[in-house]
Amino acid sequence: MEAFRPYSGIRILDLTHNLGRYATRLFGDLGAEVIRVEPPEGLPDRRLAEQPGRNSPDYAFSFFNASKRSIVLDLAAEKGRATFAAMAKDAHVVFLERGAPLADEIGWVREQNPGAVVTLVSPYGMGGPMEHAPTSDLVLQAAGGIAWMTGRDGEPPLRLPVDQSVMITSVYAAAATAMCLFDAETGGTGHVVDVSAQECIAHSLQNAIQVYDLERRISHRAGEGTRDASEDIYTCKDGQVFLASPPTLGISWKQLLAWMGETSHPSLAEFGKERWLDRRWRQTAEAKGLFRPLFEAFIADYTRDELLAQALKRKVVMAPVARIADVLGDRQLAYRNYFIQMADPRFERPVQFPGAPYKLSEPVWAATPAPALGARG
């Protein structure tokens, strides 16, 4: 069966190097012709990945730039600008990013093709007192508010790992660009999409917005799932599990006590007391201090898989905490062929990469390795 490529025939000129580079890969995976337009020395992410003396391959560069091509243009020279202008006339989308070529020349870019979508990705958006402020993933997570939501109550905020500002911003940029592209194709009018990483992060603060809408309460660190003594991560025989069994959550608490009763575990003597049905008391430090050692004593002889099986059987809300190695070997992800093997000349052997986080009814074009500088393929 021929591969289904929803963005087949769409040309995207990609001048991003950080916050927008996953957005353009998403389009490339779905069939768009994504061409990285790079200066002779390469965009910043390539220079970092290929710097002399680097001891290990940069898998991040390969991941973010799979399914793309590359062309070298000196946009400071007349010839390079002329070549870009010619390419832009046939392009449907141009992705720009603060700090990369042409980010300050949106007007000129639009002149080359008024019907195209021009998406500018930047830390704080166009205009305002922070427009040109220096930044980093940590700074953006703090500025967007997600760092305040991360970590434990009473302890400092934490940075989410793996450059979450890149992933969040790119997903929003891709969605907005896709909508504008649809409109541009049907109405013939181009668009400028101004994507602020800070705003993308502020728009995805777990369930903080819903908590305020419903309860008129500002969410606190550690999220909204750890107020009850039973909601946390606990250590078992071979790792950790997450449990959420407040009495207000269905039959989870009753089934947990029934399980303890069937096994004659001594923890039931405490958990069977009337005070554990008091929602306010279960949120106190005293309740949390009592719950952890008693519950961990109960699960100490169970493996994560055994606990999952029991939880599913009894309708107790509990799940194993997956380590990175567990995710790579996960049976469900393997069944759905989530991870793909990619042969990249930068690596000694094929490497395992995350695939598309969705399934379509027809086969989708597979990702190709990140391009060498100037390699159009």
Protein backbone atom coordinates (compact mmCIF):
# COMPACT_ATOMS: atom_id res chain seq x y z
CA MET A 1 0.00 0.00 0.00
CA GLU A 2 1.30 3.43 -0.90
CA ALA A 3 2.28 5.53 2.09
CA PHE A 4 -0.21 8.19 3.17
CA ARG A 5 1.47 11.60 3.18
CA PRO A 6 -1.02 14.28 4.24
CA TYR A 7 1.53 17.05 3.63
CA SER A 8 2.89 15.65 0.38
CA GLY A 9 3.57 18.51 -2.03
CA ILE A 10 4.02 21.02 0.78
CA ARG A 11 7.40 22.77 0.85
CA ILE A 12 8.67 24.21 4.14
CA LEU A 13 11.76 26.35 4.47
CA ASP A 14 13.20 25.79 7.93
CA LEU A 15 15.52 28.35 9.51
CA THR A 16 14.91 27.21 13.09
CA HIS A 17 17.63 25.85 15.33
CA ASN A 18 16.09 25.28 18.76
CA LEU A 19 12.53 26.13 19.79
CA GLY A 20 10.97 25.35 16.40
CA ARG A 21 13.03 22.44 15.13
CA TYR A 22 10.63 19.72 16.34
CA ALA A 23 7.69 21.49 14.70
CA THR A 24 9.31 21.22 11.28
CA ARG A 25 10.23 17.60 11.88
CA LEU A 26 6.56 16.81 12.55
CA PHE A 27 5.68 18.17 9.12
CA GLY A 28 8.56 16.26 7.54
CA ASP A 29 7.42 12.98 9.06
CA LEU A 30 4.02 13.54 7.45
CA GLY A 31 5.42 14.02 3.97
CA ALA A 32 6.29 17.70 3.67
CA GLU A 33 9.51 18.65 1.93
CA VAL A 34 11.35 20.37 4.78
CA ILE A 35 14.54 22.16 3.75
CA ARG A 36 16.84 23.53 6.42
CA VAL A 37 18.23 26.79 5.07
CA GLU A 38 21.62 27.14 6.74
CA PRO A 39 24.50 29.59 6.62
CA PRO A 40 27.87 28.20 5.46
CA GLU A 41 28.86 27.38 9.05
CA GLY A 42 25.52 25.68 9.77
CA LEU A 43 22.76 26.71 12.16
CA PRO A 44 23.63 26.82 15.91
CA ASP A 45 22.32 23.32 16.72
CA ARG A 46 24.50 21.80 13.98
CA ARG A 47 27.58 23.72 15.10
CA LEU A 48 27.08 22.42 18.62
CA ALA A 49 26.53 18.85 17.44
CA GLU A 50 29.56 18.84 15.14
CA GLN A 51 32.00 20.87 17.21
CA PRO A 52 35.58 19.51 17.15
CA GLY A 53 36.56 17.26 20.02
CA ARG A 54 33.02 16.12 20.80
CA ASN A 55 33.33 12.68 22.38
CA SER A 56 29.83 11.35 21.80
CA PRO A 57 27.29 11.65 18.96
CA ASP A 58 24.53 14.22 19.38
CA TYR A 59 21.40 12.11 19.22
CA ALA A 60 19.26 15.17 19.91
CA PHE A 61 20.39 16.85 16.69
CA SER A 62 19.56 13.73 14.71
CA PHE A 63 16.17 13.37 16.39
CA PHE A 64 15.05 16.95 15.84
CA ASN A 65 16.28 17.12 12.24
CA ALA A 66 15.16 13.76 10.89
CA SER A 67 13.00 13.87 7.76
CA LYS A 68 14.62 17.10 6.55
CA ARG A 69 17.01 18.23 3.84
CA SER A 70 19.64 20.94 3.98
CA ILE A 71 20.83 23.72 1.72
CA VAL A 72 23.61 26.23 2.36
CA LEU A 73 22.79 29.86 1.56
CA ASP A 74 24.74 32.92 2.55
CA LEU A 75 21.78 35.20 3.23
CA ALA A 76 24.12 38.13 3.85
CA ALA A 77 25.14 37.97 0.17
CA GLU A 78 23.05 39.03 -2.83
CA LYS A 79 23.30 35.61 -4.49
CA GLY A 80 22.13 33.79 -1.38
CA ARG A 81 19.17 36.11 -0.93
CA ALA A 82 18.20 35.73 -4.56
CA THR A 83 18.26 31.95 -4.27
CA PHE A 84 16.16 32.08 -1.10
CA ALA A 85 13.67 34.43 -2.76
CA ALA A 86 13.26 31.99 -5.64
CA MET A 87 12.72 29.08 -3.25
CA ALA A 88 10.27 31.09 -1.14
CA LYS A 89 8.02 31.70 -4.15
CA ASP A 90 7.29 27.96 -4.26
CA ALA A 91 7.18 27.47 -0.49
CA HIS A 92 4.00 27.05 1.52
CA VAL A 93 5.54 27.72 4.94
CA VAL A 94 8.66 29.51 6.18
CA PHE A 95 9.74 28.81 9.75
CA LEU A 96 11.93 31.45 11.39
CA GLU A 97 13.43 31.68 14.86
CA ARG A 98 14.92 34.48 16.91
CA GLY A 99 18.68 34.44 16.55
CA ALA A 100 18.60 32.69 13.15
CA PRO A 101 18.78 34.27 9.67
CA LEU A 102 15.90 36.48 8.46
CA ALA A 103 14.14 36.55 11.83
CA ASP A 104 14.27 40.35 11.70
CA GLU A 105 13.12 40.53 8.08
CA ILE A 106 9.63 39.09 8.16
CA GLY A 107 8.37 41.84 5.86
CA TRP A 108 10.92 40.96 3.18
CA VAL A 109 10.18 37.23 3.55
CA ARG A 110 6.47 37.85 3.07
CA GLU A 111 7.12 39.94 -0.03
CA GLN A 112 8.59 36.91 -1.75
CA ASN A 113 5.35 34.97 -1.33
CA PRO A 114 2.35 36.78 0.20
CA GLY A 115 0.32 33.57 0.15
CA ALA A 116 2.71 31.61 2.38
CA VAL A 117 2.54 31.08 6.12
CA VAL A 118 5.47 32.63 7.96
CA THR A 119 5.91 31.27 11.50
CA LEU A 120 8.32 33.02 13.86
CA VAL A 121 9.24 31.11 17.01
CA SER A 122 10.92 33.05 19.81
CA PRO A 123 11.28 32.92 23.58
CA TYR A 124 8.93 35.81 24.35
CA GLY A 125 7.22 36.71 21.08
CA MET A 126 7.51 39.78 18.90
CA GLY A 127 7.45 43.04 20.84
CA GLY A 128 7.39 43.80 24.53
CA PRO A 129 10.10 44.45 27.12
CA MET A 130 11.43 40.87 26.98
CA GLU A 131 11.55 40.52 23.19
CA HIS A 132 15.35 40.39 23.04
CA ALA A 133 16.10 39.10 26.55
CA PRO A 134 18.63 36.24 26.82
CA THR A 135 17.10 32.94 27.78
CA SER A 136 17.48 29.18 28.24
CA ASP A 137 15.22 26.20 28.78
CA LEU A 138 15.38 26.71 32.55
CA VAL A 139 14.58 30.43 32.24
CA LEU A 140 11.62 29.75 29.95
CA GLN A 141 10.20 27.10 32.24
CA ALA A 142 10.44 29.57 35.11
CA ALA A 143 8.99 32.46 33.08
CA GLY A 144 6.12 30.32 31.81
CA GLY A 145 5.24 29.06 35.30
CA ILE A 146 5.77 25.31 34.87
CA ALA A 147 8.82 25.31 37.17
CA TRP A 148 6.58 26.55 39.99
CA MET A 149 4.37 23.49 39.48
CA THR A 150 7.28 21.05 39.51
CA GLY A 151 8.83 19.54 42.60
CA ARG A 152 7.62 18.85 46.12
CA ASP A 153 5.73 21.11 48.47
CA GLY A 154 8.06 23.11 50.69
CA GLU A 155 11.05 22.53 48.40
CA PRO A 156 12.46 24.69 45.55
CA PRO A 157 10.88 24.59 42.08
CA LEU A 158 12.41 22.16 39.60
CA ARG A 159 13.17 22.23 35.89
CA LEU A 160 11.41 19.57 33.84
CA PRO A 161 14.01 17.51 31.95
CA VAL A 162 14.83 17.17 28.25
CA ASP A 163 14.30 20.75 27.05
CA GLN A 164 10.54 20.80 27.54
CA SER A 165 10.37 24.37 26.24
CA VAL A 166 11.44 23.05 22.82
CA MET A 167 8.84 20.29 22.75
CA ILE A 168 5.94 22.39 24.05
CA THR A 169 6.70 25.36 21.80
CA SER A 170 7.13 23.20 18.72
CA VAL A 171 3.84 21.38 19.24
CA TYR A 172 1.95 24.67 19.56
CA ALA A 173 3.82 26.13 16.58
CA ALA A 174 3.01 23.10 14.44
CA ALA A 175 -0.68 23.19 15.35
CA ALA A 176 -1.03 26.92 14.67
CA THR A 177 0.89 26.64 11.41
CA ALA A 178 -1.23 23.72 10.25
CA MET A 179 -4.42 25.73 10.81
CA CYS A 180 -3.04 28.75 8.98
CA LEU A 181 -1.77 26.56 6.16
CA PHE A 182 -5.23 25.10 5.68
CA ASP A 183 -6.71 28.58 5.53
CA ALA A 184 -3.98 29.81 3.18
CA GLU A 185 -4.60 26.91 0.80
CA THR A 186 -8.36 27.43 0.78
CA GLY A 187 -8.45 31.22 0.88
CA GLY A 188 -5.21 32.14 -0.85
CA THR A 189 -4.13 34.53 1.89
CA GLY A 190 -0.91 34.09 3.82
CA HIS A 191 -0.42 34.51 7.54
CA VAL A 192 2.21 35.45 10.11
CA VAL A 193 2.24 33.21 13.17
CA ASP A 194 3.95 34.75 16.20
CA VAL A 195 4.78 31.92 18.65
CA SER A 196 6.01 32.80 22.15
CA ALA A 197 7.63 29.94 24.07
CA GLN A 198 6.71 31.60 27.37
CA GLU A 199 3.05 31.72 26.36
CA CYS A 200 3.07 28.12 25.13
CA ILE A 201 4.38 26.98 28.51
CA ALA A 202 1.92 29.21 30.37
CA HIS A 203 -0.89 27.60 28.37
CA SER A 204 0.09 24.07 29.41
CA LEU A 205 0.43 24.28 33.20
CA GLN A 206 -0.87 20.80 33.99
CA ASN A 207 -4.44 21.40 35.23
CA ALA A 208 -3.74 24.73 36.95
CA ILE A 209 -6.16 26.70 34.76
CA GLN A 210 -8.98 24.21 35.31
CA VAL A 211 -8.34 24.16 39.07
CA TYR A 212 -8.71 27.94 39.20
CA ASP A 213 -11.81 27.92 36.98
CA LEU A 214 -13.55 25.26 39.05
CA GLU A 215 -12.29 26.00 42.56
CA ARG A 216 -10.98 29.57 42.38
CA ARG A 217 -7.77 28.28 43.85
CA ILE A 218 -4.17 28.69 42.70
CA SER A 219 -2.41 25.35 42.24
CA HIS A 220 0.61 24.60 44.37
CA ARG A 221 3.85 22.74 43.78
CA ALA A 222 3.61 18.95 43.50
CA GLY A 223 0.50 19.29 41.37
CA GLU A 224 -3.06 18.61 42.38
CA GLY A 225 -2.65 14.86 42.71
CA THR A 226 -0.63 14.75 45.92
CA ARG A 227 -2.89 16.49 48.42
CA ASP A 228 -4.21 13.21 49.78
CA ALA A 229 -1.91 10.98 51.87
CA SER A 230 -2.43 8.09 49.43
CA GLU A 231 -1.38 10.03 46.32
CA ASP A 232 2.35 9.74 45.73
CA ILE A 233 5.17 7.53 44.50
CA TYR A 234 6.11 4.58 46.70
CA THR A 235 8.93 2.02 46.72
CA CYS A 236 8.22 -1.67 46.14
CA LYS A 237 10.39 -4.76 45.64
CA ASP A 238 11.93 -3.84 42.27
CA GLY A 239 11.24 -0.15 41.79
CA GLN A 240 8.45 2.34 42.39
CA VAL A 241 4.72 2.65 41.80
CA PHE A 242 2.31 5.57 41.79
CA LEU A 243 -0.81 5.21 43.94
CA ALA A 244 -3.94 7.38 44.10
CA SER A 245 -6.58 5.97 46.47
CA PRO A 246 -8.47 8.71 48.29
CA PRO A 247 -11.95 7.59 49.48
CA THR A 248 -13.46 10.08 47.01
CA LEU A 249 -11.95 8.19 44.04
CA GLY A 250 -14.40 5.41 43.35
CA ILE A 251 -13.78 2.10 45.12
CA SER A 252 -9.98 2.32 45.07
CA TRP A 253 -9.61 2.85 48.85
CA LYS A 254 -12.12 0.15 49.78
CA GLN A 255 -10.46 -2.33 47.46
CA LEU A 256 -7.03 -1.48 48.86
CA LEU A 257 -8.24 -2.25 52.39
CA ALA A 258 -9.91 -5.44 51.19
CA TRP A 259 -6.62 -6.52 49.63
CA MET A 260 -4.80 -5.92 52.91
CA GLY A 261 -7.47 -7.89 54.71
CA GLU A 262 -7.14 -10.86 52.37
CA THR A 263 -3.39 -10.97 53.02
CA SER A 264 -3.79 -10.32 56.78
CA HIS A 265 -1.31 -7.47 56.58
CA PRO A 266 -0.81 -5.53 59.83
CA SER A 267 -1.13 -2.16 58.05
CA LEU A 268 -4.87 -2.72 57.95
CA ALA A 269 -5.09 -2.11 61.71
CA GLU A 270 -4.22 1.57 61.15
CA PHE A 271 -5.93 2.14 57.80
CA GLY A 272 -9.18 0.68 59.08
CA LYS A 273 -9.58 3.52 61.58
CA GLU A 274 -12.38 6.02 61.02
CA ARG A 275 -10.04 9.00 60.62
CA TRP A 276 -8.80 7.70 57.25
CA LEU A 277 -12.24 8.52 55.84
CA ASP A 278 -11.81 12.19 56.82
CA ARG A 279 -10.72 14.02 53.66
CA ARG A 280 -9.22 16.97 55.53
CA TRP A 281 -7.24 14.81 57.92
CA ARG A 282 -5.81 12.75 55.07
CA GLN A 283 -4.26 15.95 53.70
CA THR A 284 -2.29 16.66 56.88
CA ALA A 285 1.42 16.07 57.37
CA GLU A 286 0.59 13.58 60.13
CA ALA A 287 -1.49 11.43 57.79
CA LYS A 288 1.15 11.52 55.07
CA GLY A 289 3.84 10.63 57.58
CA LEU A 290 1.84 7.61 58.73
CA PHE A 291 0.77 6.41 55.30
CA ARG A 292 4.12 6.02 53.58
CA PRO A 293 5.86 3.50 55.90
CA LEU A 294 2.71 1.43 56.35
CA PHE A 295 1.89 1.24 52.66
CA GLU A 296 5.49 0.58 51.62
CA ALA A 297 5.61 -2.25 54.18
CA PHE A 298 2.56 -3.73 52.47
CA ILE A 299 4.03 -3.60 48.93
CA ALA A 300 7.64 -4.40 49.90
CA ASP A 301 7.43 -8.02 48.69
CA TYR A 302 5.60 -7.25 45.43
CA THR A 303 7.22 -6.44 42.11
CA ARG A 304 5.86 -3.62 39.96
CA ASP A 305 4.29 -6.11 37.53
CA GLU A 306 2.64 -8.00 40.39
CA LEU A 307 1.26 -4.78 41.82
CA LEU A 308 -0.08 -3.72 38.42
CA ALA A 309 -1.83 -7.06 37.99
CA GLN A 310 -3.42 -6.81 41.42
CA ALA A 311 -4.41 -3.19 40.90
CA LEU A 312 -6.14 -3.96 37.59
CA LYS A 313 -7.92 -6.93 39.12
CA ARG A 314 -9.14 -4.95 42.13
CA LYS A 315 -9.69 -1.55 40.45
CA VAL A 316 -7.10 0.15 42.63
CA VAL A 317 -5.61 3.22 40.96
CA MET A 318 -1.94 2.25 40.81
CA ALA A 319 0.70 2.09 38.07
CA PRO A 320 4.41 1.27 37.80
CA VAL A 321 6.80 4.21 37.52
CA ALA A 322 8.63 3.60 34.26
CA ARG A 323 12.34 4.28 34.04
CA ILE A 324 13.85 5.17 30.67
CA ALA A 325 15.03 1.59 30.18
CA ASP A 326 11.50 0.38 30.94
CA VAL A 327 10.03 2.68 28.29
CA LEU A 328 12.48 1.39 25.68
CA GLY A 329 11.45 -2.19 26.45
CA ASP A 330 7.73 -1.54 27.01
CA ARG A 331 5.59 -4.31 25.49
CA GLN A 332 2.73 -1.99 24.58
CA LEU A 333 5.01 0.44 22.74
CA ALA A 334 6.70 -2.49 21.01
CA TYR A 335 3.34 -3.86 19.87
CA ARG A 336 2.44 -0.49 18.34
CA ASN A 337 5.90 -0.15 16.72
CA TYR A 338 6.43 3.18 18.44
CA PHE A 339 10.22 3.07 18.33
CA ILE A 340 11.89 3.00 14.93
CA GLN A 341 15.38 1.94 13.90
CA MET A 342 17.21 4.65 12.00
CA ALA A 343 20.50 4.19 10.19
CA ASP A 344 22.44 7.45 10.39
CA PRO A 345 25.97 7.80 9.00
CA ARG A 346 26.93 9.70 12.16
CA PHE A 347 26.48 6.55 14.25
CA GLU A 348 28.30 3.23 14.17
CA ARG A 349 25.06 1.27 14.05
CA PRO A 350 21.32 1.93 13.65
CA VAL A 351 19.83 3.73 16.63
CA GLN A 352 16.40 3.56 18.22
CA PHE A 353 14.31 6.71 17.85
CA PRO A 354 10.80 7.61 19.01
CA GLY A 355 8.39 7.43 16.12
CA ALA A 356 5.16 9.30 15.48
CA PRO A 357 2.95 9.65 18.58
CA TYR A 358 -0.17 8.79 16.58
CA LYS A 359 -1.50 6.18 14.17
CA LEU A 360 -3.25 6.89 10.88
CA SER A 361 -5.45 4.48 8.95
CA GLU A 362 -2.91 4.40 6.11
CA PRO A 363 0.85 3.83 6.44
CA VAL A 364 2.83 7.00 7.10
CA TRP A 365 6.09 7.96 5.47
CA ALA A 366 8.94 6.89 7.76
CA ALA A 367 11.49 9.34 9.09
CA THR A 368 14.84 9.71 7.33
CA PRO A 369 18.16 10.64 9.00
CA ALA A 370 19.06 14.25 9.70
CA PRO A 371 20.77 15.81 6.69
CA ALA A 372 24.43 16.67 6.39
CA LEU A 373 25.11 20.36 5.83
CA GLY A 374 23.93 21.24 2.33
CA ALA A 375 22.65 17.71 1.59
CA ARG A 376 19.35 18.09 -0.22
CA GLY A 377 18.89 14.38 -0.93
